[in-house]
Amino acid sequence: METIFRTLQDFFKSIGLPLEQDFEMTVHSLAGLHGSGAKVSPMFRTDYFAFLLITGGKSSYTIDKQSFALGEGSFYFTNPGHLKSFHIEIPLEGYMVTFTETFLKQNFTGDLFQQFPFLLNETTPVMKLNADIQADMIRMFETMIQEYKGHSSFKKAILSNHLSILLYKSKELLQSHQVSIKASSRSMELLNQFKMILNENFKHLLLGKSDKVLSIKEIADAMHVHPNYLSNVIKEESGKSASDWIQDRTLAEAQALLKNSSKTVSEIAYNLGFTDSTHFAKFFKKMANISPSDYRKTL
């Protein structure tokens, strides 16, 4: 069974390459990142988003049973849960940015998935950039690398602003390239629908329009499928169970509220549909290995 990696550092460790990671966003040059010579990866999944610009070299990657050739001017991204692998024939040059949903939630306000719906979709084709657009993207990535390597007290805030620009640029490129993002199968379609319903549920929770996190049965009923069938599809297509998706989203929202709001722990527990703060504290400690109040202090 394929492995799902929580961080970029964990993935590189699995293929025997060193890479240090301090927080839940990374920016790297691809030159030398995967070592020298050809490299073939096993099938794997990640729990983070990855955006890549290829400026040199030759490679291919397979994602959710679709294969794409990579060369100069290739720009693409992958979302959490994708089943993928890569085959580097000539060492790559370019840039890679990775970040988690937790990083997004902690550093952005508003409904990210409504603003950037492509972050919920499953498979996006590789886009081929012309020389002018590629040069513009290179400047953006180089600036991000400088900030990532710097020691500013506001590094995360600065990088989150650059990431916002990258997301808008990606949205613009998807429109200009007229990329049609479609689920490659009925199973993918169901996974996308599950994630969209989950996103709406949490949006309504935070707006006070709902008082609980939907169960897998309630989501399945809304999708007119059997809960067991939906659970099996989600696990098979994403590598994570439905309950894992729900718990991870709950944790990400909780961390964002602890960081960005003045609400008490009890108020946050109520916002996220917990019956009492004790239950919420136990959930948070189990998921994050730290209590909600101590987590807030570390920020």
Protein backbone atom coordinates (compact mmCIF):
# COMPACT_ATOMS: atom_id res chain seq x y z
CA MET A 1 0.00 0.00 0.00
CA GLU A 2 1.28 3.46 -0.88
CA THR A 3 2.51 5.80 1.88
CA ILE A 4 0.97 9.17 2.72
CA PHE A 5 3.52 11.76 3.84
CA ARG A 6 2.58 14.57 6.20
CA THR A 7 5.53 16.81 5.33
CA LEU A 8 7.98 17.34 2.49
CA GLN A 9 10.80 16.48 4.90
CA ASP A 10 9.17 13.09 5.59
CA PHE A 11 8.94 12.36 1.88
CA PHE A 12 12.57 13.22 1.16
CA LYS A 13 13.68 11.13 4.12
CA SER A 14 11.84 8.17 2.58
CA ILE A 15 13.88 8.41 -0.64
CA GLY A 16 17.15 8.85 1.22
CA LEU A 17 17.68 12.57 0.64
CA PRO A 18 18.21 15.24 3.31
CA LEU A 19 15.84 18.19 3.57
CA GLU A 20 15.16 20.43 6.55
CA GLN A 21 11.70 21.88 7.20
CA ASP A 22 10.90 24.36 9.98
CA PHE A 23 7.17 24.98 9.45
CA GLU A 24 4.27 23.96 7.24
CA MET A 25 5.38 25.80 4.11
CA THR A 26 8.53 25.25 2.04
CA VAL A 27 10.11 26.97 -0.95
CA HIS A 28 12.97 25.26 -2.80
CA SER A 29 14.95 25.41 -5.99
CA LEU A 30 14.71 22.09 -7.83
CA ALA A 31 18.35 22.21 -8.93
CA GLY A 32 20.04 19.34 -7.11
CA LEU A 33 17.04 18.80 -4.84
CA HIS A 34 16.47 15.21 -5.99
CA GLY A 35 20.16 14.40 -6.16
CA SER A 36 22.07 13.78 -9.39
CA GLY A 37 21.14 11.48 -12.23
CA ALA A 38 17.87 9.73 -12.99
CA LYS A 39 15.40 8.97 -10.23
CA VAL A 40 12.17 6.98 -10.08
CA SER A 41 9.87 7.34 -7.09
CA PRO A 42 7.46 4.75 -5.72
CA MET A 43 3.73 5.54 -5.71
CA PHE A 44 2.95 7.86 -2.82
CA ARG A 45 0.49 10.39 -1.44
CA THR A 46 1.09 13.63 0.43
CA ASP A 47 -0.97 15.57 2.94
CA TYR A 48 0.20 18.92 1.54
CA PHE A 49 -0.22 21.01 -1.61
CA ALA A 50 2.70 21.27 -4.06
CA PHE A 51 3.15 23.88 -6.82
CA LEU A 52 6.01 23.36 -9.29
CA LEU A 53 7.56 25.35 -12.12
CA ILE A 54 9.98 23.42 -14.33
CA THR A 55 12.60 25.53 -16.14
CA GLY A 56 14.92 22.75 -17.30
CA GLY A 57 15.51 19.01 -17.35
CA LYS A 58 13.23 16.19 -18.41
CA SER A 59 10.79 14.23 -16.33
CA SER A 60 7.32 12.76 -16.21
CA TYR A 61 4.86 12.27 -13.44
CA THR A 62 1.80 10.14 -12.96
CA ILE A 63 -1.11 11.33 -10.89
CA ASP A 64 -4.37 9.48 -10.31
CA LYS A 65 -3.62 7.16 -13.28
CA GLN A 66 -2.89 10.05 -15.66
CA SER A 67 0.64 10.67 -16.98
CA PHE A 68 2.18 14.03 -17.94
CA ALA A 69 5.51 14.94 -19.53
CA LEU A 70 7.51 17.70 -17.84
CA GLY A 71 10.03 20.02 -19.46
CA GLU A 72 10.93 23.69 -19.70
CA GLY A 73 7.94 25.93 -19.03
CA SER A 74 5.84 23.27 -17.28
CA PHE A 75 3.73 24.56 -14.40
CA TYR A 76 1.44 22.35 -12.33
CA PHE A 77 0.20 21.64 -8.83
CA THR A 78 -1.04 18.68 -6.81
CA ASN A 79 -3.42 18.59 -3.87
CA PRO A 80 -3.47 16.47 -0.71
CA GLY A 81 -4.53 12.87 -1.27
CA HIS A 82 -3.33 12.49 -4.86
CA LEU A 83 -1.74 9.16 -5.72
CA LYS A 84 1.38 10.04 -7.67
CA SER A 85 4.89 9.10 -8.75
CA PHE A 86 7.63 10.69 -10.83
CA HIS A 87 10.41 9.62 -13.18
CA ILE A 88 13.28 12.10 -13.56
CA GLU A 89 15.32 11.36 -16.68
CA ILE A 90 17.44 14.54 -16.76
CA PRO A 91 17.82 16.38 -13.41
CA LEU A 92 15.24 19.10 -13.04
CA GLU A 93 15.67 22.82 -12.64
CA GLY A 94 12.94 25.10 -11.41
CA TYR A 95 11.05 25.71 -8.18
CA MET A 96 8.71 23.99 -5.77
CA VAL A 97 6.43 25.45 -3.11
CA THR A 98 4.61 23.22 -0.64
CA PHE A 99 2.15 24.14 2.10
CA THR A 100 -0.51 22.48 4.24
CA GLU A 101 -4.14 23.32 4.79
CA THR A 102 -3.20 24.28 8.35
CA PHE A 103 -0.79 26.92 7.01
CA LEU A 104 -3.51 28.27 4.74
CA LYS A 105 -6.08 28.43 7.52
CA GLN A 106 -3.70 30.12 9.93
CA ASN A 107 -2.55 32.80 7.51
CA PHE A 108 -5.56 33.55 5.31
CA THR A 109 -9.05 34.81 6.08
CA GLY A 110 -12.27 34.15 4.21
CA ASP A 111 -13.38 31.09 2.29
CA LEU A 112 -10.21 29.97 0.55
CA PHE A 113 -11.83 27.10 -1.26
CA GLN A 114 -14.49 29.34 -2.71
CA GLN A 115 -11.88 31.85 -3.85
CA PHE A 116 -9.54 29.12 -5.12
CA PRO A 117 -11.78 26.15 -5.97
CA PHE A 118 -8.90 24.39 -7.73
CA LEU A 119 -7.51 23.58 -4.28
CA LEU A 120 -10.40 21.15 -3.86
CA ASN A 121 -10.16 19.52 -7.29
CA GLU A 122 -8.34 16.32 -7.92
CA THR A 123 -6.28 16.42 -11.11
CA THR A 124 -5.15 19.51 -13.02
CA PRO A 125 -3.24 19.12 -16.31
CA VAL A 126 0.27 20.53 -16.69
CA MET A 127 0.23 24.05 -18.15
CA LYS A 128 2.88 25.12 -20.67
CA LEU A 129 4.03 28.71 -20.04
CA ASN A 130 5.46 31.00 -22.69
CA ALA A 131 8.84 32.71 -22.13
CA ASP A 132 7.41 35.99 -20.78
CA ILE A 133 5.07 34.35 -18.27
CA GLN A 134 7.79 31.91 -17.22
CA ALA A 135 10.19 34.80 -16.57
CA ASP A 136 7.53 36.52 -14.45
CA MET A 137 6.95 33.33 -12.44
CA ILE A 138 10.70 32.83 -11.97
CA ARG A 139 11.01 36.31 -10.42
CA MET A 140 8.16 35.49 -8.05
CA PHE A 141 9.68 32.17 -6.97
CA GLU A 142 13.14 33.71 -6.51
CA THR A 143 11.67 36.37 -4.20
CA MET A 144 9.93 33.66 -2.19
CA ILE A 145 13.18 31.69 -1.85
CA GLN A 146 15.00 34.78 -0.55
CA GLU A 147 12.30 35.31 2.06
CA TYR A 148 12.26 31.62 2.97
CA LYS A 149 16.01 31.61 3.56
CA GLY A 150 15.87 34.89 5.51
CA HIS A 151 15.48 35.41 9.23
CA SER A 152 12.72 37.97 9.45
CA SER A 153 10.50 37.90 12.53
CA PHE A 154 7.62 38.18 10.09
CA LYS A 155 8.75 35.39 7.75
CA LYS A 156 5.47 33.46 7.85
CA ALA A 157 3.39 36.57 7.26
CA ILE A 158 5.60 37.69 4.36
CA LEU A 159 5.56 34.22 2.79
CA SER A 160 1.79 33.93 3.18
CA ASN A 161 1.42 37.16 1.18
CA HIS A 162 3.66 35.78 -1.57
CA LEU A 163 1.67 32.55 -1.48
CA SER A 164 -1.50 34.56 -1.99
CA ILE A 165 0.04 36.03 -5.14
CA LEU A 166 1.00 32.54 -6.34
CA LEU A 167 -2.58 31.32 -5.86
CA TYR A 168 -4.01 34.26 -7.79
CA LYS A 169 -1.42 33.75 -10.54
CA SER A 170 -2.40 30.08 -10.70
CA LYS A 171 -6.06 31.02 -10.95
CA GLU A 172 -5.24 33.44 -13.75
CA LEU A 173 -3.20 30.81 -15.61
CA LEU A 174 -5.99 28.24 -15.32
CA GLN A 175 -8.35 30.76 -16.92
CA SER A 176 -5.94 31.91 -19.66
CA HIS A 177 -5.06 28.31 -20.53
CA GLN A 178 -8.75 27.45 -20.46
CA VAL A 179 -7.98 24.43 -18.33
CA SER A 180 -11.01 22.25 -17.81
CA ILE A 181 -10.73 20.56 -14.44
CA LYS A 182 -12.87 17.45 -14.44
CA ALA A 183 -12.97 14.41 -12.24
CA SER A 184 -11.35 11.53 -14.08
CA SER A 185 -13.84 8.98 -12.73
CA ARG A 186 -17.06 8.60 -10.78
CA SER A 187 -15.00 7.88 -7.67
CA MET A 188 -13.04 11.13 -8.10
CA GLU A 189 -16.31 12.96 -8.61
CA LEU A 190 -17.62 11.62 -5.32
CA LEU A 191 -14.43 12.58 -3.49
CA ASN A 192 -14.64 16.13 -4.86
CA GLN A 193 -18.29 16.37 -3.85
CA PHE A 194 -17.47 15.08 -0.36
CA LYS A 195 -14.78 17.74 0.08
CA MET A 196 -17.08 20.50 -1.16
CA ILE A 197 -19.87 19.50 1.25
CA LEU A 198 -17.33 19.33 4.08
CA ASN A 199 -16.08 22.80 3.18
CA GLU A 200 -19.64 24.20 3.18
CA ASN A 201 -20.32 22.54 6.53
CA PHE A 202 -17.34 24.25 8.19
CA LYS A 203 -18.19 27.56 6.56
CA HIS A 204 -21.69 27.36 8.05
CA LEU A 205 -20.27 26.35 11.44
CA LEU A 206 -18.05 29.43 11.60
CA LEU A 207 -20.91 31.68 10.47
CA GLY A 208 -23.18 30.26 13.17
CA LYS A 209 -25.53 28.73 10.58
CA SER A 210 -24.84 25.20 11.80
CA ASP A 211 -24.10 23.73 15.20
CA LYS A 212 -22.36 20.46 14.34
CA VAL A 213 -19.90 18.77 12.03
CA LEU A 214 -21.75 16.50 9.65
CA SER A 215 -21.23 12.77 10.06
CA ILE A 216 -20.21 10.58 7.15
CA LYS A 217 -23.78 9.22 7.10
CA GLU A 218 -25.25 12.72 6.81
CA ILE A 219 -22.83 13.62 4.02
CA ALA A 220 -23.55 10.35 2.23
CA ASP A 221 -27.30 10.97 2.53
CA ALA A 222 -26.85 14.42 0.97
CA MET A 223 -24.94 12.76 -1.89
CA HIS A 224 -27.55 9.96 -2.24
CA VAL A 225 -25.02 7.18 -1.75
CA HIS A 226 -24.55 4.55 0.95
CA PRO A 227 -22.20 5.62 3.79
CA ASN A 228 -20.08 2.47 3.52
CA TYR A 229 -19.68 2.92 -0.22
CA LEU A 230 -18.70 6.58 0.19
CA SER A 231 -16.22 5.69 2.96
CA ASN A 232 -14.58 3.05 0.77
CA VAL A 233 -14.35 5.44 -2.20
CA ILE A 234 -12.76 8.20 -0.11
CA LYS A 235 -10.19 5.84 1.39
CA GLU A 236 -9.32 4.30 -1.97
CA GLU A 237 -9.02 7.59 -3.85
CA SER A 238 -7.28 9.72 -1.22
CA GLY A 239 -5.48 7.32 1.10
CA LYS A 240 -7.32 8.88 4.04
CA SER A 241 -10.56 7.80 5.64
CA ALA A 242 -13.59 10.08 5.74
CA SER A 243 -13.16 10.50 9.49
CA ASP A 244 -9.49 11.50 8.94
CA TRP A 245 -10.60 14.21 6.47
CA ILE A 246 -13.17 15.50 8.97
CA GLN A 247 -10.78 15.42 11.93
CA ASP A 248 -7.94 17.08 10.00
CA ARG A 249 -10.26 19.87 8.85
CA THR A 250 -11.56 20.33 12.41
CA LEU A 251 -8.01 20.62 13.71
CA ALA A 252 -7.01 23.10 10.98
CA GLU A 253 -10.01 25.30 11.77
CA ALA A 254 -9.32 25.08 15.50
CA GLN A 255 -5.67 26.09 15.05
CA ALA A 256 -6.68 29.01 12.84
CA LEU A 257 -9.21 30.25 15.41
CA LEU A 258 -6.70 29.93 18.25
CA LYS A 259 -4.20 31.97 16.24
CA ASN A 260 -6.39 34.57 14.58
CA SER A 261 -9.26 35.19 16.99
CA SER A 262 -9.67 36.34 20.59
CA LYS A 263 -12.34 33.73 21.26
CA THR A 264 -11.94 31.60 24.34
CA VAL A 265 -11.25 27.89 24.06
CA SER A 266 -14.85 27.24 25.13
CA GLU A 267 -16.18 29.55 22.41
CA ILE A 268 -14.02 27.86 19.78
CA ALA A 269 -15.23 24.44 20.95
CA TYR A 270 -18.83 25.60 20.57
CA ASN A 271 -18.10 27.12 17.14
CA LEU A 272 -16.77 23.79 15.91
CA GLY A 273 -19.75 21.79 17.14
CA PHE A 274 -18.29 20.27 20.32
CA THR A 275 -20.73 19.73 23.17
CA ASP A 276 -18.23 20.96 25.76
CA SER A 277 -14.71 22.37 25.98
CA THR A 278 -13.37 19.25 27.74
CA HIS A 279 -14.25 17.09 24.74
CA PHE A 280 -12.66 19.65 22.43
CA ALA A 281 -9.48 19.83 24.55
CA LYS A 282 -9.13 16.04 24.48
CA PHE A 283 -9.60 15.99 20.70
CA PHE A 284 -7.06 18.79 20.18
CA LYS A 285 -4.46 17.19 22.48
CA LYS A 286 -4.85 13.84 20.70
CA MET A 287 -4.47 15.41 17.25
CA ALA A 288 -1.81 18.07 17.92
CA ASN A 289 0.03 16.62 20.96
CA ILE A 290 -0.53 19.90 22.82
CA SER A 291 -3.45 21.47 24.64
CA PRO A 292 -5.42 24.30 22.96
CA SER A 293 -4.29 26.86 25.55
CA ASP A 294 -0.65 25.83 25.30
CA TYR A 295 -0.86 25.89 21.50
CA ARG A 296 -2.13 29.46 21.64
CA LYS A 297 0.77 30.43 23.93
CA THR A 298 3.32 29.07 21.45
CA LEU A 299 1.97 31.47 18.83
